[in-house]
């Protein structure tokens, strides 16, 4: 999506960097065109949606 060197990996590689961060709105645009959200969900460049994958509170409490 953006041209720079070195070029970003594909959206499936999960290694691109942020080119526009908007933490006050809860989202960031990555250089491969993916939009990531603070709730851990994603909108991929081809329109696919990755549902949020947060750790359930019960698991966090058990780990403490």
N, C-alpha and C. Protein backbone atom coordinates (compact mmCIF):
# COMPACT_ATOMS: atom_id res chain seq x y z
N UNK A 1 0.82 -1.18 0.00
CA UNK A 1 0.00 0.00 0.00
C UNK A 1 0.86 1.25 0.00
N UNK A 2 1.84 1.34 0.90
CA UNK A 2 2.76 2.47 0.93
C UNK A 2 4.09 2.02 0.37
N UNK A 3 4.78 2.92 -0.29
CA UNK A 3 6.07 2.52 -0.85
C UNK A 3 7.19 3.10 0.01
N UNK A 4 8.00 2.24 0.55
CA UNK A 4 9.18 2.62 1.31
C UNK A 4 10.13 1.44 1.32
N UNK A 5 11.35 1.67 1.73
CA UNK A 5 12.34 0.60 1.79
C UNK A 5 12.79 0.42 3.22
N UNK A 6 12.90 -0.76 3.72
CA UNK A 6 12.45 -1.99 3.08
C UNK A 6 10.93 -2.04 3.06
N UNK A 7 10.39 -2.75 2.10
CA UNK A 7 8.94 -2.83 2.00
C UNK A 7 8.37 -3.66 3.14
N UNK A 8 7.13 -3.40 3.47
CA UNK A 8 6.48 -4.11 4.57
C UNK A 8 6.09 -5.51 4.15
N UNK A 9 6.04 -6.41 5.11
CA UNK A 9 5.54 -7.75 4.82
C UNK A 9 4.03 -7.68 4.57
N UNK A 10 3.48 -8.78 4.12
CA UNK A 10 2.04 -8.83 3.85
C UNK A 10 1.26 -8.71 5.16
N UNK A 11 -0.04 -8.48 5.04
CA UNK A 11 -0.90 -8.35 6.22
C UNK A 11 -0.90 -9.63 7.04
N UNK A 12 -0.65 -10.77 6.43
CA UNK A 12 -0.66 -12.03 7.15
C UNK A 12 0.58 -12.23 8.02
N UNK A 13 1.64 -11.45 7.79
CA UNK A 13 2.88 -11.62 8.53
C UNK A 13 2.85 -10.95 9.90
N UNK A 14 1.94 -10.02 10.15
CA UNK A 14 1.77 -9.32 11.42
C UNK A 14 3.05 -8.63 11.89
N UNK A 15 3.80 -8.01 10.96
CA UNK A 15 5.00 -7.29 11.34
C UNK A 15 5.09 -5.88 10.79
N UNK A 16 4.10 -5.34 10.08
CA UNK A 16 4.21 -3.98 9.54
C UNK A 16 4.20 -2.94 10.66
N UNK A 17 4.62 -1.72 10.33
CA UNK A 17 4.68 -0.67 11.35
C UNK A 17 3.55 0.35 11.17
N UNK A 18 3.33 1.12 12.22
CA UNK A 18 2.26 2.13 12.24
C UNK A 18 2.68 3.33 11.40
N UNK A 19 1.79 3.75 10.49
CA UNK A 19 2.05 4.97 9.71
C UNK A 19 1.13 6.10 10.15
N UNK A 20 0.02 5.79 10.80
CA UNK A 20 -0.88 6.80 11.35
C UNK A 20 -1.54 6.23 12.60
N UNK A 21 -1.14 6.77 13.74
CA UNK A 21 -1.71 6.30 15.00
C UNK A 21 -2.69 7.31 15.55
N UNK A 22 -3.83 6.83 15.98
CA UNK A 22 -4.85 7.69 16.58
C UNK A 22 -5.34 7.05 17.88
N UNK A 23 -4.48 7.04 18.91
CA UNK A 23 -4.86 6.39 20.16
C UNK A 23 -6.08 7.02 20.82
N UNK A 24 -6.28 8.32 20.58
CA UNK A 24 -7.45 8.98 21.16
C UNK A 24 -8.76 8.46 20.56
N UNK A 25 -8.67 7.88 19.36
CA UNK A 25 -9.82 7.29 18.70
C UNK A 25 -9.81 5.76 18.75
N UNK A 26 -8.69 5.20 19.20
CA UNK A 26 -8.62 3.75 19.39
C UNK A 26 -8.22 2.94 18.17
N UNK A 27 -7.53 3.55 17.19
CA UNK A 27 -7.13 2.79 16.02
C UNK A 27 -5.80 3.28 15.47
N UNK A 28 -5.15 2.41 14.67
CA UNK A 28 -3.90 2.74 13.99
C UNK A 28 -3.91 2.16 12.59
N UNK A 29 -3.34 2.89 11.65
CA UNK A 29 -3.18 2.41 10.27
C UNK A 29 -1.77 1.90 10.11
N UNK A 30 -1.63 0.66 9.66
CA UNK A 30 -0.32 0.07 9.42
C UNK A 30 0.08 0.28 7.96
N UNK A 31 1.36 0.16 7.68
CA UNK A 31 1.87 0.43 6.34
C UNK A 31 1.39 -0.55 5.28
N UNK A 32 0.84 -1.70 5.70
CA UNK A 32 0.32 -2.65 4.72
C UNK A 32 -1.17 -2.44 4.44
N UNK A 33 -1.75 -1.38 5.06
CA UNK A 33 -3.15 -1.07 4.84
C UNK A 33 -4.09 -1.63 5.88
N UNK A 34 -3.57 -2.38 6.84
CA UNK A 34 -4.39 -2.93 7.92
C UNK A 34 -4.71 -1.84 8.92
N UNK A 35 -5.93 -1.85 9.45
CA UNK A 35 -6.31 -0.95 10.54
C UNK A 35 -6.45 -1.82 11.77
N UNK A 36 -5.72 -1.47 12.83
CA UNK A 36 -5.81 -2.20 14.08
C UNK A 36 -6.55 -1.35 15.09
N UNK A 37 -7.30 -2.01 15.97
CA UNK A 37 -8.10 -1.32 16.97
C UNK A 37 -7.62 -1.68 18.36
N UNK A 38 -7.84 -0.77 19.31
CA UNK A 38 -7.38 -0.99 20.69
C UNK A 38 -7.99 -2.22 21.34
N UNK A 39 -9.14 -2.67 20.85
CA UNK A 39 -9.76 -3.87 21.43
C UNK A 39 -9.17 -5.14 20.84
N UNK A 40 -8.10 -5.04 20.06
CA UNK A 40 -7.33 -6.10 19.41
C UNK A 40 -7.97 -6.61 18.13
N UNK A 41 -9.04 -5.99 17.67
CA UNK A 41 -9.63 -6.35 16.38
C UNK A 41 -8.84 -5.71 15.25
N UNK A 42 -9.07 -6.18 14.03
CA UNK A 42 -8.37 -5.65 12.86
C UNK A 42 -9.30 -5.63 11.66
N UNK A 43 -9.04 -4.68 10.77
CA UNK A 43 -9.69 -4.63 9.47
C UNK A 43 -8.57 -4.76 8.45
N UNK A 44 -8.56 -5.86 7.70
CA UNK A 44 -7.49 -6.13 6.74
C UNK A 44 -7.73 -5.39 5.44
N UNK A 45 -6.67 -5.17 4.66
CA UNK A 45 -6.79 -4.40 3.41
C UNK A 45 -7.81 -4.97 2.42
N UNK A 46 -8.03 -6.28 2.46
CA UNK A 46 -8.99 -6.88 1.52
C UNK A 46 -10.42 -6.86 2.06
N UNK A 47 -10.64 -6.22 3.21
CA UNK A 47 -11.97 -6.09 3.78
C UNK A 47 -12.33 -7.14 4.81
N UNK A 48 -11.47 -8.15 4.99
CA UNK A 48 -11.75 -9.16 6.01
C UNK A 48 -11.63 -8.54 7.40
N UNK A 49 -12.41 -9.06 8.32
CA UNK A 49 -12.40 -8.59 9.70
C UNK A 49 -11.79 -9.65 10.59
N UNK A 50 -10.88 -9.23 11.47
CA UNK A 50 -10.33 -10.12 12.50
C UNK A 50 -10.98 -9.69 13.81
N UNK A 51 -11.76 -10.59 14.39
CA UNK A 51 -12.47 -10.28 15.63
C UNK A 51 -11.49 -10.02 16.76
N UNK A 52 -11.89 -9.21 17.73
CA UNK A 52 -11.03 -8.99 18.91
C UNK A 52 -10.66 -10.32 19.56
N UNK A 53 -9.42 -10.40 20.02
CA UNK A 53 -8.96 -11.65 20.64
C UNK A 53 -8.33 -11.34 22.00
N UNK A 54 -9.15 -10.74 22.85
CA UNK A 54 -8.72 -10.37 24.19
C UNK A 54 -8.74 -11.58 25.12
N UNK A 55 -7.90 -11.53 26.13
CA UNK A 55 -7.86 -12.58 27.15
C UNK A 55 -9.04 -12.38 28.09
N UNK A 56 -9.85 -13.41 28.32
CA UNK A 56 -10.98 -13.27 29.25
C UNK A 56 -10.51 -12.87 30.65
N UNK A 57 -11.32 -12.06 31.34
CA UNK A 57 -10.98 -11.56 32.66
C UNK A 57 -10.70 -12.70 33.63
N UNK A 58 -11.43 -13.80 33.50
CA UNK A 58 -11.23 -14.92 34.41
C UNK A 58 -9.81 -15.47 34.32
N UNK A 59 -9.24 -15.51 33.10
CA UNK A 59 -7.88 -16.00 32.93
C UNK A 59 -6.87 -15.02 33.50
N UNK A 60 -7.14 -13.73 33.38
CA UNK A 60 -6.23 -12.74 33.95
C UNK A 60 -6.22 -12.84 35.48
N UNK A 61 -7.39 -13.03 36.07
CA UNK A 61 -7.48 -13.13 37.53
C UNK A 61 -6.79 -14.40 38.02
N UNK A 62 -6.90 -15.49 37.29
CA UNK A 62 -6.28 -16.75 37.69
C UNK A 62 -4.76 -16.68 37.59
N UNK A 63 -4.25 -15.87 36.68
CA UNK A 63 -2.80 -15.75 36.49
C UNK A 63 -2.16 -14.89 37.56
N UNK A 64 -2.94 -14.06 38.22
CA UNK A 64 -2.37 -13.13 39.22
C UNK A 64 -2.08 -13.78 40.54
